[in-house]
């Protein structure tokens, strides 16, 4: 929602949108019953309502094994309006990450879906964050840290 303040993000096994149970439970538990506030934090609605996002980049870490998938900013149309069509339930972190990265890319955000073998737990999340940290530090201009390209990007090491 604030690309002027935040040009870089890391998502570790994230959800499609805020989730604390059913949609009604989430709205009640996290947003005091305010459905408008809930929708204001739905990434798909935020990207559609506030894009494009030039200069923004994201790393979507997922707790599976595999190869990273890169999407350039503006690479292709937005995925279909029903994300659930390609996602097999709320625990399908790969499906969620692929959907959100495709949506982000269509909104001008460069991104990669980066597998980090392991389970959906804090140990794997720590490994995923450690893997993303050099890229994140380079993107944020940390002194004495070089720029690291997103995994899977053509020409990346």
N, C-alpha and C. Protein backbone atom coordinates (compact mmCIF):
# COMPACT_ATOMS: atom_id res chain seq x y z
N UNK A 1 0.81 -1.20 0.00
CA UNK A 1 0.00 0.00 0.00
C UNK A 1 0.85 1.26 0.00
N UNK A 2 2.14 1.13 0.32
CA UNK A 2 3.01 2.31 0.42
C UNK A 2 4.33 2.08 -0.31
N UNK A 3 4.29 1.98 -1.65
CA UNK A 3 5.53 1.73 -2.38
C UNK A 3 6.52 2.89 -2.26
N UNK A 4 6.05 4.05 -1.84
CA UNK A 4 6.95 5.18 -1.60
C UNK A 4 7.81 4.94 -0.36
N UNK A 5 7.35 4.09 0.55
CA UNK A 5 8.08 3.78 1.77
C UNK A 5 8.73 2.40 1.74
N UNK A 6 8.09 1.45 1.07
CA UNK A 6 8.54 0.06 1.07
C UNK A 6 8.68 -0.43 -0.37
N UNK A 7 9.92 -0.55 -0.82
CA UNK A 7 10.16 -0.98 -2.20
C UNK A 7 10.54 -2.44 -2.30
N UNK A 8 10.60 -3.13 -1.19
CA UNK A 8 11.10 -4.50 -1.16
C UNK A 8 10.36 -5.28 -0.08
N UNK A 9 10.03 -6.55 -0.38
CA UNK A 9 9.39 -7.36 0.64
C UNK A 9 9.79 -8.82 0.50
N UNK A 10 9.70 -9.54 1.61
CA UNK A 10 9.90 -10.99 1.66
C UNK A 10 8.63 -11.58 2.27
N UNK A 11 8.06 -12.55 1.58
CA UNK A 11 6.87 -13.27 2.03
C UNK A 11 7.30 -14.71 2.28
N UNK A 12 7.11 -15.21 3.49
CA UNK A 12 7.52 -16.57 3.83
C UNK A 12 6.27 -17.41 4.07
N UNK A 13 5.99 -18.32 3.13
CA UNK A 13 4.81 -19.20 3.21
C UNK A 13 3.55 -18.42 3.55
N UNK A 14 3.38 -17.29 2.91
CA UNK A 14 2.25 -16.42 3.23
C UNK A 14 0.91 -16.96 2.77
N UNK A 15 -0.12 -16.32 3.22
CA UNK A 15 -1.49 -16.66 2.86
C UNK A 15 -1.96 -15.75 1.72
N UNK A 16 -3.07 -16.11 1.14
CA UNK A 16 -3.65 -15.34 0.04
C UNK A 16 -4.12 -13.97 0.52
N UNK A 17 -4.61 -13.92 1.71
CA UNK A 17 -5.11 -12.68 2.33
C UNK A 17 -5.09 -12.89 3.83
N UNK A 18 -5.40 -11.86 4.63
CA UNK A 18 -5.43 -12.08 6.08
C UNK A 18 -6.30 -13.29 6.41
N UNK A 19 -5.85 -14.09 7.38
CA UNK A 19 -6.54 -15.35 7.66
C UNK A 19 -6.44 -15.69 9.13
N UNK A 20 -7.57 -15.69 9.80
CA UNK A 20 -7.66 -16.11 11.20
C UNK A 20 -8.90 -16.96 11.37
N UNK A 21 -9.08 -17.90 10.42
CA UNK A 21 -10.28 -18.74 10.41
C UNK A 21 -11.05 -18.50 9.13
N UNK A 22 -12.36 -18.58 9.20
CA UNK A 22 -13.19 -18.28 8.03
C UNK A 22 -13.08 -16.78 7.73
N UNK A 23 -13.61 -16.36 6.59
CA UNK A 23 -13.57 -14.94 6.27
C UNK A 23 -14.30 -14.13 7.34
N UNK A 24 -15.48 -14.58 7.77
CA UNK A 24 -16.22 -13.87 8.82
C UNK A 24 -15.44 -13.83 10.13
N UNK A 25 -14.81 -14.96 10.49
CA UNK A 25 -14.01 -14.98 11.72
C UNK A 25 -12.83 -14.04 11.61
N UNK A 26 -12.17 -14.02 10.45
CA UNK A 26 -11.02 -13.13 10.25
C UNK A 26 -11.44 -11.68 10.37
N UNK A 27 -12.53 -11.32 9.74
CA UNK A 27 -13.03 -9.94 9.81
C UNK A 27 -13.34 -9.57 11.25
N UNK A 28 -13.95 -10.48 11.97
CA UNK A 28 -14.29 -10.21 13.37
C UNK A 28 -13.05 -10.16 14.25
N UNK A 29 -12.17 -11.16 14.12
CA UNK A 29 -11.02 -11.28 15.02
C UNK A 29 -9.92 -10.25 14.75
N UNK A 30 -9.67 -9.95 13.49
CA UNK A 30 -8.54 -9.07 13.17
C UNK A 30 -8.95 -7.64 12.84
N UNK A 31 -10.21 -7.45 12.44
CA UNK A 31 -10.62 -6.12 11.97
C UNK A 31 -11.85 -5.60 12.69
N UNK A 32 -12.15 -6.17 13.86
CA UNK A 32 -13.25 -5.68 14.67
C UNK A 32 -14.58 -5.67 13.95
N UNK A 33 -14.76 -6.60 13.01
CA UNK A 33 -16.02 -6.69 12.28
C UNK A 33 -16.11 -5.78 11.07
N UNK A 34 -15.04 -5.06 10.75
CA UNK A 34 -15.04 -4.09 9.65
C UNK A 34 -14.56 -4.76 8.35
N UNK A 35 -15.51 -5.15 7.50
CA UNK A 35 -15.18 -5.83 6.25
C UNK A 35 -14.41 -4.93 5.30
N UNK A 36 -14.65 -3.64 5.35
CA UNK A 36 -13.91 -2.71 4.50
C UNK A 36 -12.44 -2.69 4.88
N UNK A 37 -12.16 -2.70 6.18
CA UNK A 37 -10.77 -2.74 6.64
C UNK A 37 -10.11 -4.05 6.22
N UNK A 38 -10.84 -5.14 6.30
CA UNK A 38 -10.32 -6.44 5.85
C UNK A 38 -9.93 -6.38 4.38
N UNK A 39 -10.80 -5.88 3.53
CA UNK A 39 -10.52 -5.78 2.10
C UNK A 39 -9.34 -4.85 1.82
N UNK A 40 -9.11 -3.87 2.68
CA UNK A 40 -7.99 -2.95 2.49
C UNK A 40 -6.64 -3.64 2.67
N UNK A 41 -6.64 -4.85 3.26
CA UNK A 41 -5.40 -5.59 3.47
C UNK A 41 -5.33 -6.86 2.63
N UNK A 42 -6.23 -7.00 1.67
CA UNK A 42 -6.19 -8.13 0.74
C UNK A 42 -5.18 -7.78 -0.34
N UNK A 43 -4.05 -8.53 -0.45
CA UNK A 43 -3.01 -8.15 -1.41
C UNK A 43 -3.51 -8.00 -2.84
N UNK A 44 -4.42 -8.87 -3.28
CA UNK A 44 -4.92 -8.76 -4.65
C UNK A 44 -5.67 -7.45 -4.85
N UNK A 45 -6.49 -7.06 -3.88
CA UNK A 45 -7.23 -5.80 -4.00
C UNK A 45 -6.31 -4.59 -3.87
N UNK A 46 -5.30 -4.70 -3.01
CA UNK A 46 -4.34 -3.60 -2.86
C UNK A 46 -3.60 -3.38 -4.17
N UNK A 47 -3.11 -4.48 -4.77
CA UNK A 47 -2.37 -4.33 -6.04
C UNK A 47 -3.26 -3.78 -7.13
N UNK A 48 -4.49 -4.24 -7.21
CA UNK A 48 -5.41 -3.75 -8.24
C UNK A 48 -5.76 -2.28 -8.02
N UNK A 49 -5.89 -1.89 -6.76
CA UNK A 49 -6.31 -0.52 -6.46
C UNK A 49 -5.21 0.51 -6.40
N UNK A 50 -3.97 0.08 -6.18
CA UNK A 50 -2.88 1.04 -5.99
C UNK A 50 -1.79 0.96 -7.03
N UNK A 51 -1.80 -0.05 -7.90
CA UNK A 51 -0.72 -0.24 -8.87
C UNK A 51 -0.72 0.81 -9.95
N UNK A 52 0.27 0.83 -10.82
CA UNK A 52 1.42 -0.06 -10.83
C UNK A 52 2.46 0.33 -9.78
N UNK A 53 3.43 -0.57 -9.60
CA UNK A 53 4.44 -0.42 -8.55
C UNK A 53 5.85 -0.45 -9.12
N UNK A 54 6.25 0.55 -9.88
CA UNK A 54 7.60 0.51 -10.46
C UNK A 54 8.67 0.54 -9.36
N UNK A 55 9.72 -0.27 -9.56
CA UNK A 55 10.83 -0.29 -8.62
C UNK A 55 10.61 -1.17 -7.41
N UNK A 56 9.46 -1.81 -7.29
CA UNK A 56 9.18 -2.68 -6.15
C UNK A 56 9.55 -4.11 -6.53
N UNK A 57 10.08 -4.87 -5.58
CA UNK A 57 10.45 -6.26 -5.83
C UNK A 57 10.12 -7.10 -4.61
N UNK A 58 9.81 -8.39 -4.87
CA UNK A 58 9.43 -9.29 -3.78
C UNK A 58 9.99 -10.68 -3.93
N UNK A 59 10.24 -11.29 -2.81
CA UNK A 59 10.75 -12.67 -2.70
C UNK A 59 9.68 -13.47 -1.98
N UNK A 60 9.08 -14.44 -2.67
CA UNK A 60 8.07 -15.32 -2.09
C UNK A 60 8.74 -16.65 -1.75
N UNK A 61 9.06 -16.88 -0.49
CA UNK A 61 9.67 -18.14 -0.06
C UNK A 61 8.58 -19.15 0.23
N UNK A 62 8.79 -20.40 -0.22
CA UNK A 62 7.83 -21.46 0.02
C UNK A 62 8.56 -22.69 0.57
N UNK A 63 7.92 -23.39 1.50
CA UNK A 63 8.56 -24.51 2.19
C UNK A 63 8.39 -25.82 1.42
N UNK A 64 8.97 -25.86 0.23
CA UNK A 64 9.00 -27.06 -0.59
C UNK A 64 10.37 -27.10 -1.26
N UNK A 65 10.69 -28.22 -1.88
CA UNK A 65 11.92 -28.30 -2.67
C UNK A 65 11.58 -27.97 -4.11
N UNK A 66 12.56 -27.48 -4.83
CA UNK A 66 12.33 -27.17 -6.24
C UNK A 66 13.23 -26.06 -6.71
N UNK A 67 12.95 -25.57 -7.88
CA UNK A 67 13.72 -24.50 -8.50
C UNK A 67 12.96 -23.18 -8.39
N UNK A 68 13.68 -22.07 -8.24
CA UNK A 68 13.00 -20.77 -8.18
C UNK A 68 12.36 -20.41 -9.51
N UNK A 69 11.28 -19.66 -9.43
CA UNK A 69 10.60 -19.16 -10.62
C UNK A 69 10.57 -17.64 -10.55
N UNK A 70 11.13 -17.02 -11.57
CA UNK A 70 11.26 -15.56 -11.63
C UNK A 70 10.20 -14.98 -12.55
N UNK A 71 9.69 -13.80 -12.17
CA UNK A 71 8.78 -13.06 -13.03
C UNK A 71 9.22 -11.60 -13.06
N UNK A 72 9.50 -11.14 -14.25
CA UNK A 72 9.88 -9.73 -14.42
C UNK A 72 8.68 -8.83 -14.17
N UNK A 73 8.96 -7.60 -13.78
CA UNK A 73 7.89 -6.62 -13.61
C UNK A 73 7.17 -6.44 -14.94
N UNK A 74 5.86 -6.53 -14.90
CA UNK A 74 5.06 -6.36 -16.09
C UNK A 74 5.03 -7.55 -17.02
N UNK A 75 5.49 -8.70 -16.56
CA UNK A 75 5.56 -9.90 -17.42
C UNK A 75 4.22 -10.61 -17.46
N UNK A 76 3.42 -10.26 -18.39
CA UNK A 76 2.17 -10.98 -18.61
C UNK A 76 0.98 -10.37 -17.92
N UNK A 77 -0.18 -10.83 -18.34
CA UNK A 77 -1.43 -10.31 -17.76
C UNK A 77 -1.64 -10.84 -16.35
N UNK A 78 -2.51 -10.18 -15.65
CA UNK A 78 -2.88 -10.63 -14.31
C UNK A 78 -3.55 -11.99 -14.41
N UNK A 79 -3.35 -12.83 -13.40
CA UNK A 79 -4.06 -14.12 -13.40
C UNK A 79 -5.56 -13.89 -13.30
N UNK A 80 -6.31 -14.94 -13.52
CA UNK A 80 -7.77 -14.83 -13.47
C UNK A 80 -8.28 -14.28 -12.16
N UNK A 81 -9.52 -13.83 -12.16
CA UNK A 81 -10.08 -13.19 -10.96
C UNK A 81 -10.32 -14.14 -9.79
N UNK A 82 -10.37 -15.46 -10.06
CA UNK A 82 -10.62 -16.40 -8.98
C UNK A 82 -9.34 -17.14 -8.63
N UNK A 83 -8.58 -16.65 -7.63
CA UNK A 83 -7.32 -17.30 -7.29
C UNK A 83 -7.50 -18.73 -6.82
N UNK A 84 -8.66 -19.05 -6.29
CA UNK A 84 -8.89 -20.39 -5.77
C UNK A 84 -8.88 -21.44 -6.87
N UNK A 85 -9.04 -21.01 -8.12
CA UNK A 85 -9.05 -21.96 -9.23
C UNK A 85 -7.70 -22.67 -9.35
N UNK A 86 -6.60 -22.01 -8.99
CA UNK A 86 -5.28 -22.62 -9.09
C UNK A 86 -4.64 -22.94 -7.77
N UNK A 87 -5.40 -22.84 -6.68
CA UNK A 87 -4.85 -23.05 -5.35
C UNK A 87 -5.64 -24.16 -4.67
N UNK A 88 -4.92 -25.14 -4.16
CA UNK A 88 -5.55 -26.29 -3.52
C UNK A 88 -5.63 -26.11 -2.01
N UNK A 89 -6.39 -25.16 -1.56
CA UNK A 89 -6.60 -24.93 -0.14
C UNK A 89 -5.62 -23.93 0.44
N UNK A 90 -5.90 -23.45 1.66
CA UNK A 90 -5.08 -22.40 2.28
C UNK A 90 -3.64 -22.82 2.59
N UNK A 91 -3.39 -24.13 2.65
CA UNK A 91 -2.04 -24.60 2.95
C UNK A 91 -1.21 -24.84 1.69
N UNK A 92 -1.76 -24.52 0.51
CA UNK A 92 -1.02 -24.66 -0.74
C UNK A 92 -0.17 -23.41 -0.92
N UNK A 93 0.92 -23.35 -0.18
CA UNK A 93 1.76 -22.15 -0.18
C UNK A 93 2.39 -21.90 -1.54
N UNK A 94 2.70 -22.96 -2.30
CA UNK A 94 3.25 -22.78 -3.64
C UNK A 94 2.20 -22.16 -4.55
N UNK A 95 0.97 -22.68 -4.50
CA UNK A 95 -0.11 -22.11 -5.31
C UNK A 95 -0.37 -20.66 -4.97
N UNK A 96 -0.40 -20.35 -3.67
CA UNK A 96 -0.62 -18.97 -3.23
C UNK A 96 0.53 -18.08 -3.71
N UNK A 97 1.77 -18.52 -3.50
CA UNK A 97 2.92 -17.71 -3.91
C UNK A 97 2.95 -17.50 -5.42
N UNK A 98 2.67 -18.55 -6.18
CA UNK A 98 2.66 -18.39 -7.63
C UNK A 98 1.57 -17.42 -8.09
N UNK A 99 0.39 -17.53 -7.49
CA UNK A 99 -0.70 -16.61 -7.83
C UNK A 99 -0.30 -15.17 -7.48
N UNK A 100 0.17 -14.95 -6.25
CA UNK A 100 0.50 -13.59 -5.83
C UNK A 100 1.68 -13.02 -6.62
N UNK A 101 2.68 -13.85 -6.95
CA UNK A 101 3.81 -13.36 -7.73
C UNK A 101 3.36 -13.01 -9.15
N UNK A 102 2.49 -13.81 -9.74
CA UNK A 102 1.97 -13.48 -11.08
C UNK A 102 1.16 -12.19 -11.02
N UNK A 103 0.35 -12.04 -10.00
CA UNK A 103 -0.43 -10.82 -9.83
C UNK A 103 0.49 -9.62 -9.60
N UNK A 104 1.51 -9.81 -8.76
CA UNK A 104 2.47 -8.74 -8.50
C UNK A 104 3.19 -8.34 -9.78
N UNK A 105 3.64 -9.32 -10.53
CA UNK A 105 4.34 -9.04 -11.79
C UNK A 105 3.46 -8.22 -12.73
N UNK A 106 2.21 -8.61 -12.84
CA UNK A 106 1.31 -7.87 -13.73
C UNK A 106 1.06 -6.45 -13.22
N UNK A 107 1.37 -6.21 -11.94
CA UNK A 107 1.22 -4.87 -11.34
C UNK A 107 2.53 -4.10 -11.31
N UNK A 108 3.56 -4.63 -12.00
CA UNK A 108 4.83 -3.92 -12.09
C UNK A 108 5.85 -4.29 -11.03
N UNK A 109 5.63 -5.37 -10.31
CA UNK A 109 6.53 -5.80 -9.25
C UNK A 109 7.36 -6.98 -9.75
N UNK A 110 8.68 -6.85 -9.72
CA UNK A 110 9.58 -7.94 -10.03
C UNK A 110 9.55 -8.92 -8.86
N UNK A 111 9.48 -10.23 -9.14
CA UNK A 111 9.39 -11.17 -8.02
C UNK A 111 9.88 -12.56 -8.41
N UNK A 112 10.18 -13.34 -7.39
CA UNK A 112 10.53 -14.75 -7.55
C UNK A 112 9.82 -15.56 -6.48
N UNK A 113 9.43 -16.77 -6.87
CA UNK A 113 8.95 -17.77 -5.91
C UNK A 113 10.14 -18.67 -5.67
N UNK A 114 10.61 -18.71 -4.42
CA UNK A 114 11.86 -19.37 -4.08
C UNK A 114 11.62 -20.52 -3.11
N UNK A 115 11.76 -21.77 -3.58
CA UNK A 115 11.59 -22.92 -2.69
C UNK A 115 12.69 -22.98 -1.62
N UNK A 116 12.30 -23.35 -0.44
CA UNK A 116 13.21 -23.58 0.68
C UNK A 116 12.77 -24.89 1.30
N UNK A 117 13.40 -25.98 0.89
CA UNK A 117 12.98 -27.30 1.36
C UNK A 117 12.79 -27.34 2.87
N UNK A 118 11.74 -27.98 3.29
CA UNK A 118 11.45 -28.12 4.71
C UNK A 118 9.97 -28.13 4.96
N UNK A 119 9.62 -28.02 6.23
CA UNK A 119 8.22 -28.00 6.64
C UNK A 119 7.77 -26.57 6.87
N UNK A 120 6.48 -26.41 7.06
CA UNK A 120 5.92 -25.10 7.38
C UNK A 120 6.11 -24.87 8.88
N UNK A 121 7.36 -24.47 9.25
CA UNK A 121 7.69 -24.29 10.66
C UNK A 121 8.72 -23.17 10.80
N UNK A 122 9.04 -22.82 12.04
CA UNK A 122 9.96 -21.71 12.27
C UNK A 122 11.37 -22.01 11.79
N UNK A 123 11.81 -23.26 11.87
CA UNK A 123 13.14 -23.61 11.38
C UNK A 123 13.29 -23.35 9.88
N UNK A 124 12.30 -23.76 9.12
CA UNK A 124 12.34 -23.53 7.67
C UNK A 124 12.17 -22.04 7.38
N UNK A 125 11.33 -21.36 8.13
CA UNK A 125 11.17 -19.92 7.94
C UNK A 125 12.49 -19.20 8.20
N UNK A 126 13.23 -19.62 9.21
CA UNK A 126 14.53 -19.01 9.50
C UNK A 126 15.50 -19.23 8.34
N UNK A 127 15.50 -20.45 7.77
CA UNK A 127 16.36 -20.73 6.62
C UNK A 127 15.95 -19.88 5.41
N UNK A 128 14.65 -19.75 5.21
CA UNK A 128 14.16 -18.95 4.08
C UNK A 128 14.57 -17.49 4.24
N UNK A 129 14.45 -16.96 5.46
CA UNK A 129 14.85 -15.57 5.69
C UNK A 129 16.35 -15.40 5.52
N UNK A 130 17.13 -16.37 6.01
CA UNK A 130 18.59 -16.30 5.85
C UNK A 130 18.97 -16.33 4.37
N UNK A 131 18.26 -17.12 3.58
CA UNK A 131 18.53 -17.16 2.14
C UNK A 131 18.17 -15.84 1.47
N UNK A 132 17.11 -15.20 1.91
CA UNK A 132 16.65 -13.94 1.31
C UNK A 132 17.45 -12.73 1.78
N UNK A 133 18.09 -12.83 2.93
CA UNK A 133 18.74 -11.66 3.54
C UNK A 133 19.78 -10.97 2.66
N UNK A 134 20.68 -11.67 1.98
CA UNK A 134 21.63 -10.94 1.12
C UNK A 134 20.93 -10.13 0.03
N UNK A 135 19.89 -10.71 -0.57
CA UNK A 135 19.12 -9.97 -1.58
C UNK A 135 18.44 -8.76 -0.95
N UNK A 136 17.81 -8.98 0.19
CA UNK A 136 17.10 -7.92 0.90
C UNK A 136 18.06 -6.79 1.29
N UNK A 137 19.20 -7.15 1.85
CA UNK A 137 20.18 -6.14 2.27
C UNK A 137 20.68 -5.34 1.07
N UNK A 138 20.95 -6.01 -0.04
CA UNK A 138 21.38 -5.31 -1.25
C UNK A 138 20.31 -4.37 -1.78
N UNK A 139 19.05 -4.82 -1.76
CA UNK A 139 17.94 -3.98 -2.23
C UNK A 139 17.77 -2.75 -1.35
N UNK A 140 18.02 -2.91 -0.07
CA UNK A 140 17.82 -1.80 0.87
C UNK A 140 19.01 -0.87 0.95
N UNK A 141 20.08 -1.18 0.19
CA UNK A 141 21.24 -0.30 0.16
C UNK A 141 22.09 -0.39 1.41
N UNK A 142 22.14 -1.53 2.04
CA UNK A 142 22.96 -1.72 3.23
C UNK A 142 24.43 -1.46 2.86
N UNK A 143 25.13 -0.61 3.62
CA UNK A 143 26.53 -0.31 3.29
C UNK A 143 27.38 -1.58 3.19
N UNK A 144 28.25 -1.61 2.22
CA UNK A 144 29.21 -2.70 1.98
C UNK A 144 28.54 -4.00 1.55
N UNK A 145 27.27 -3.94 1.13
CA UNK A 145 26.58 -5.11 0.63
C UNK A 145 26.25 -4.86 -0.84
N UNK A 146 26.66 -5.80 -1.67
CA UNK A 146 26.39 -5.66 -3.09
C UNK A 146 24.98 -6.05 -3.46
N UNK A 147 24.60 -5.69 -4.67
CA UNK A 147 23.28 -6.03 -5.18
C UNK A 147 23.26 -7.51 -5.57
N UNK A 148 22.23 -8.21 -5.17
CA UNK A 148 22.03 -9.61 -5.50
C UNK A 148 20.73 -9.70 -6.30
N UNK A 149 20.76 -10.42 -7.41
CA UNK A 149 19.54 -10.54 -8.20
C UNK A 149 18.61 -11.58 -7.60
N UNK A 150 17.36 -11.48 -7.94
CA UNK A 150 16.38 -12.46 -7.48
C UNK A 150 16.70 -13.84 -8.06
N UNK A 151 16.52 -14.89 -7.27
CA UNK A 151 16.75 -16.25 -7.78
C UNK A 151 15.87 -16.53 -9.00
N UNK A 152 16.43 -17.26 -9.94
CA UNK A 152 15.69 -17.62 -11.14
C UNK A 152 15.73 -16.60 -12.24
N UNK A 153 16.20 -15.40 -11.91
CA UNK A 153 16.26 -14.34 -12.93
C UNK A 153 17.30 -14.74 -13.99
N UNK A 154 16.98 -14.59 -15.24
CA UNK A 154 17.96 -14.91 -16.28
C UNK A 154 19.28 -14.17 -16.03
N UNK A 155 20.36 -14.92 -16.07
CA UNK A 155 21.68 -14.34 -15.82
C UNK A 155 22.09 -14.34 -14.36
N UNK A 156 21.16 -14.76 -13.46
CA UNK A 156 21.49 -14.80 -12.03
C UNK A 156 22.38 -15.99 -11.75
N UNK A 157 23.26 -15.84 -10.76
CA UNK A 157 24.16 -16.94 -10.37
C UNK A 157 23.41 -18.05 -9.69
